[in-house]
Protein backbone atom coordinates (compact mmCIF):
# COMPACT_ATOMS: atom_id res chain seq x y z
CA MET A 1 0.00 0.00 0.00
CA PRO A 2 1.46 3.41 -0.96
CA PRO A 3 1.94 5.98 1.82
CA ARG A 4 -0.99 8.25 2.60
CA ASN A 5 -0.79 11.93 3.50
CA LEU A 6 -3.22 12.65 6.33
CA LYS A 7 -4.57 16.05 7.35
CA ILE A 8 -5.64 16.43 10.97
CA LEU A 9 -7.85 19.22 12.31
CA LEU A 10 -7.48 19.57 16.06
CA ALA A 11 -8.28 21.81 19.01
CA TYR A 12 -6.34 22.08 22.23
CA ASP A 13 -6.05 23.79 25.57
CA GLY A 14 -2.46 25.02 25.57
CA THR A 15 -2.30 25.61 29.33
CA PRO A 16 -0.51 22.39 30.37
CA TYR A 17 1.87 22.33 27.41
CA SER A 18 5.19 23.96 26.54
CA GLY A 19 3.85 24.97 23.13
CA TRP A 20 3.42 23.00 19.91
CA GLN A 21 6.98 22.02 19.05
CA VAL A 22 8.39 18.82 20.55
CA GLN A 23 10.94 19.43 23.31
CA PRO A 24 12.95 16.99 25.42
CA ASP A 25 11.45 16.33 28.86
CA ARG A 26 8.60 18.80 28.35
CA PRO A 27 4.97 18.11 27.41
CA THR A 28 4.10 19.56 23.99
CA ILE A 29 1.16 19.27 21.60
CA GLN A 30 3.30 17.87 18.77
CA GLY A 31 5.03 15.37 21.04
CA THR A 32 1.79 14.17 22.62
CA LEU A 33 0.10 13.79 19.22
CA ALA A 34 3.14 11.97 17.76
CA ALA A 35 3.21 9.52 20.70
CA ALA A 36 -0.49 8.74 20.22
CA ILE A 37 -0.02 8.11 16.50
CA THR A 38 2.90 5.78 17.22
CA ARG A 39 0.91 3.78 19.75
CA ILE A 40 -1.93 3.32 17.26
CA THR A 41 -0.01 2.72 14.01
CA GLY A 42 3.35 1.46 15.25
CA GLU A 43 5.06 4.12 13.11
CA THR A 44 7.43 6.82 14.29
CA VAL A 45 6.14 10.08 12.83
CA LEU A 46 6.37 13.77 13.64
CA PRO A 47 3.17 15.55 12.53
CA GLN A 48 3.84 19.00 11.08
CA GLY A 49 1.58 21.82 12.28
CA SER A 50 0.46 24.94 10.46
CA GLY A 51 2.45 26.94 13.01
CA ARG A 52 4.33 26.45 16.27
CA THR A 53 2.04 27.99 18.86
CA ASP A 54 3.81 28.97 22.09
CA ALA A 55 3.33 27.72 25.63
CA GLY A 56 -0.12 28.61 26.93
CA VAL A 57 -1.57 29.47 23.51
CA HIS A 58 -4.77 27.64 22.55
CA ALA A 59 -6.20 26.40 19.26
CA LEU A 60 -9.73 25.93 17.98
CA GLY A 61 -8.64 24.90 14.48
CA GLN A 62 -4.98 23.90 14.28
CA VAL A 63 -4.03 21.76 11.26
CA ALA A 64 -1.33 19.09 11.15
CA SER A 65 -0.21 16.65 8.49
CA PHE A 66 1.90 13.49 8.33
CA MET A 67 2.67 10.57 6.02
CA THR A 68 1.68 7.05 7.03
CA LEU A 69 1.76 3.50 5.68
CA SER A 70 -1.07 2.51 8.00
CA ALA A 71 -4.27 1.23 6.40
CA ILE A 72 -6.48 2.47 9.25
CA PRO A 73 -9.39 4.46 7.73
CA ALA A 74 -9.20 8.18 8.48
CA ALA A 75 -12.44 8.27 10.48
CA ASN A 76 -11.34 5.31 12.60
CA LEU A 77 -7.98 6.94 13.23
CA ALA A 78 -9.69 10.10 14.47
CA LYS A 79 -11.71 8.08 16.98
CA ALA A 80 -8.68 6.07 18.08
CA LEU A 81 -6.61 9.24 18.59
CA ASN A 82 -9.28 10.82 20.77
CA ASP A 83 -9.41 7.63 22.84
CA MET A 84 -5.64 7.83 23.27
CA LEU A 85 -5.06 11.58 23.70
CA PRO A 86 -5.65 13.56 26.91
CA ALA A 87 -8.88 15.56 27.09
CA SER A 88 -6.89 18.78 26.55
CA ILE A 89 -6.25 17.75 22.92
CA ARG A 90 -9.14 16.79 20.64
CA VAL A 91 -8.96 15.60 17.04
CA LEU A 92 -11.89 17.16 15.18
CA SER A 93 -11.30 15.29 11.92
CA VAL A 94 -8.79 13.26 9.93
CA GLU A 95 -8.88 13.15 6.14
CA GLU A 96 -6.67 12.02 3.30
CA ALA A 97 -4.92 14.85 1.46
CA ASP A 98 -2.99 15.16 -1.77
CA GLU A 99 0.63 14.04 -1.40
CA SER A 100 1.78 17.62 -1.98
CA PHE A 101 -0.21 18.97 0.98
CA HIS A 102 1.80 20.31 3.93
CA ALA A 103 0.07 21.83 6.96
CA ARG A 104 2.39 24.86 7.07
CA HIS A 105 3.71 25.31 3.55
CA SER A 106 0.28 24.94 1.91
CA ALA A 107 -1.51 27.42 4.19
CA MET A 108 -2.82 30.62 2.59
CA PHE A 109 -3.99 32.42 5.74
CA LYS A 110 -4.47 32.06 9.48
CA ALA A 111 -6.91 33.69 11.86
CA TYR A 112 -6.28 34.44 15.53
CA ARG A 113 -8.48 35.72 18.33
CA TYR A 114 -7.24 37.45 21.49
CA ARG A 115 -9.62 37.69 24.46
CA ILE A 116 -9.38 40.32 27.20
CA TYR A 117 -11.63 39.97 30.24
CA ARG A 118 -12.77 43.39 31.47
CA GLY A 119 -14.66 42.48 34.64
CA LYS A 120 -13.36 43.44 38.08
CA VAL A 121 -12.88 39.80 39.14
CA CYS A 122 -11.94 37.15 36.60
CA PRO A 123 -13.86 33.88 37.06
CA PRO A 124 -11.41 31.03 37.77
CA PHE A 125 -12.76 28.93 34.90
CA LEU A 126 -11.83 31.73 32.45
CA ALA A 127 -8.42 32.61 33.83
CA ASN A 128 -6.45 30.28 31.52
CA TYR A 129 -8.20 31.54 28.37
CA VAL A 130 -8.23 35.34 28.70
CA TYR A 131 -6.01 38.23 29.71
CA HIS A 132 -7.59 39.86 32.74
CA TYR A 133 -7.38 43.65 32.29
CA PRO A 134 -10.04 45.50 34.36
CA TYR A 135 -8.56 48.99 33.86
CA PRO A 136 -9.89 51.88 31.72
CA LEU A 137 -9.32 51.68 27.96
CA ASP A 138 -10.35 53.87 25.03
CA VAL A 139 -11.72 51.16 22.75
CA GLY A 140 -12.44 53.65 19.97
CA LYS A 141 -8.76 54.54 19.70
CA MET A 142 -7.78 50.87 19.84
CA THR A 143 -10.17 50.15 16.99
CA ALA A 144 -8.61 52.89 14.88
CA ALA A 145 -5.10 51.67 15.72
CA ALA A 146 -5.95 48.12 14.69
CA LYS A 147 -6.96 49.30 11.21
CA ALA A 148 -3.50 50.83 10.73
CA VAL A 149 -1.86 47.40 10.34
CA ILE A 150 -4.21 46.18 7.60
CA GLY A 151 -2.38 45.61 4.34
CA GLU A 152 1.18 44.61 3.51
CA HIS A 153 3.81 45.78 5.99
CA ASP A 154 7.19 44.87 7.39
CA PHE A 155 6.34 43.67 10.92
CA THR A 156 9.88 43.54 12.30
CA SER A 157 8.83 45.85 15.16
CA PHE A 158 6.24 43.28 16.22
CA ALA A 159 8.43 40.16 15.90
CA ALA A 160 10.07 38.61 18.95
CA VAL A 161 13.81 38.44 19.38
CA ASP A 162 14.54 34.78 20.08
CA PRO A 163 17.40 34.40 22.59
CA GLU A 164 17.57 30.65 21.97
CA LEU A 165 18.75 31.32 18.43
CA GLY A 166 21.01 34.18 19.43
CA ARG A 167 19.67 36.49 16.75
CA GLY A 168 16.95 38.98 15.99
CA PRO A 169 13.52 38.30 14.50
CA GLU A 170 14.64 38.03 10.87
CA GLY A 171 13.46 34.77 9.40
CA LEU A 172 11.68 33.55 12.53
CA GLU A 173 8.38 31.96 11.64
CA ARG A 174 7.42 30.00 14.75
CA GLU A 175 3.79 31.01 14.30
CA ASP A 176 3.89 31.48 10.54
CA SER A 177 1.54 29.76 8.11
CA ALA A 178 3.11 29.74 4.68
CA SER A 179 6.49 29.71 3.04
CA ALA A 180 6.12 32.30 0.27
CA LYS A 181 7.12 35.31 2.37
CA VAL A 182 9.86 37.90 2.02
CA GLY A 183 11.73 38.65 5.24
CA ASN A 184 9.30 39.98 7.85
CA VAL A 185 6.78 41.35 5.35
CA ARG A 186 3.26 40.03 5.94
CA THR A 187 -0.21 40.94 4.69
CA ILE A 188 -3.03 41.48 7.19
CA PHE A 189 -6.56 41.12 5.80
CA THR A 190 -8.61 41.76 8.94
CA SER A 191 -7.66 43.55 12.17
CA GLN A 192 -10.46 44.62 14.50
CA TRP A 193 -11.60 44.96 18.10
CA GLU A 194 -15.09 44.06 19.27
CA GLU A 195 -16.73 44.52 22.66
CA ASN A 196 -18.80 41.68 24.06
CA ASP A 197 -20.61 43.45 26.86
CA ALA A 198 -22.59 40.37 27.87
CA ALA A 199 -19.36 38.48 28.55
CA ASP A 200 -17.36 41.48 29.82
CA GLU A 201 -14.83 40.80 27.08
CA LEU A 202 -12.87 42.85 24.56
CA VAL A 203 -11.87 40.65 21.63
CA TYR A 204 -9.24 41.25 18.95
CA THR A 205 -9.53 39.32 15.68
CA VAL A 206 -6.76 39.27 13.10
CA ARG A 207 -6.43 37.34 9.84
CA GLY A 208 -3.37 37.38 7.61
CA ASN A 209 -1.18 35.40 5.24
CA GLY A 210 1.35 34.72 8.00
CA PHE A 211 2.52 35.77 11.44
CA LEU A 212 5.95 36.16 13.01
CA HIS A 213 6.90 34.85 16.44
CA HIS A 214 4.78 36.65 19.09
CA MET A 215 3.46 39.01 16.41
CA VAL A 216 -0.20 38.89 17.46
CA ARG A 217 0.61 39.25 21.16
CA ASN A 218 2.95 42.17 20.42
CA LEU A 219 0.25 43.86 18.36
CA VAL A 220 -2.21 43.45 21.24
CA GLY A 221 0.30 44.81 23.74
CA THR A 222 0.83 47.87 21.55
CA PHE A 223 -2.88 48.46 20.98
CA LEU A 224 -3.36 48.37 24.75
CA LEU A 225 -0.89 51.25 25.06
CA VAL A 226 -3.08 53.19 22.64
CA GLY A 227 -6.14 52.36 24.73
CA LYS A 228 -4.34 53.57 27.88
CA GLY A 229 -3.31 56.81 26.18
CA THR A 230 0.42 56.07 26.26
CA LEU A 231 0.52 55.96 22.45
CA ASP A 232 -1.59 57.63 19.76
CA CYS A 233 -3.13 55.89 16.76
CA GLU A 234 -0.63 57.68 14.53
CA ASP A 235 2.23 56.00 16.39
CA ILE A 236 1.41 52.63 14.83
CA GLN A 237 2.70 53.71 11.42
CA ARG A 238 5.84 55.12 13.04
CA ILE A 239 6.44 51.86 14.90
CA LEU A 240 6.08 49.87 11.68
CA GLU A 241 8.55 52.13 9.90
CA GLU A 242 11.15 51.91 12.70
CA LYS A 243 11.48 48.12 12.26
CA ASN A 244 12.67 47.91 15.85
CA ARG A 245 11.08 45.61 18.44
CA SER A 246 11.77 48.10 21.25
CA ALA A 247 9.50 50.65 19.52
CA ALA A 248 6.38 48.54 20.10
CA GLY A 249 4.54 47.55 23.29
CA ALA A 250 5.11 44.64 25.63
CA THR A 251 4.07 41.12 24.66
CA ALA A 252 0.54 40.36 25.85
CA PRO A 253 0.14 37.14 27.91
CA ALA A 254 -0.22 33.85 26.05
CA SER A 255 -3.43 32.84 27.83
CA GLY A 256 -5.63 35.16 25.78
CA LEU A 257 -4.46 33.96 22.36
CA HIS A 258 -6.42 31.41 20.32
CA LEU A 259 -5.61 30.08 16.84
CA VAL A 260 -9.08 30.05 15.28
CA SER A 261 -8.57 28.67 11.78
CA VAL A 262 -6.17 27.98 8.93
CA GLY A 263 -7.15 28.45 5.31
CA TYR A 264 -5.85 26.49 2.31
């Protein structure tokens, strides 16, 4: 039987994991998924994700792919994986894909959501999935600032410097979705804030053709400075043009970030 290329759609609670990418002696999404596949198929595989979400970041629609010689039908494999995996990781579907499909390289866009809880006291069952910020914010200014990043820009100012690699953000694509990018230039299609008064939440939604390491969380941290009055809306363009991480705001906590979907 020729090898099959399988596409997995999964959701996970990133709280107990040290991110997506497999690491020695640390629990990761990729490592946990790979171990489950090995136990079921007897094969040693390393499923490739659409992006390497960081520790504490969640996913509603992460996509992974891997090659297998196993004859287990895709639907049966999905059920077997959910029986094997911890409740914090759920396989939503498994399907056969063209042999050229790759979860990261084939992706055309990704969508993220960042949730900020605005109530005075954060309920304990929400604490791992939101950033609790009960202080005054000018949401109108934050909305205007978010629109300033729509389009094609060099997002060097919003890319993390990775000390593990001993270099700046150039070329880092830990959360990126596709390979056809030039340096740190990315295109953002949607960037908006919405208030959910019933849930006491302020939600940022962003969709683009790729994202640099910590890019979404750095955007949120900068927009919060606009909401606090530390920065003006006009400063966003200046920060983009400076191409300097120190020009932007602090990185928002991982708990509020959710990978919503990946488009192909």
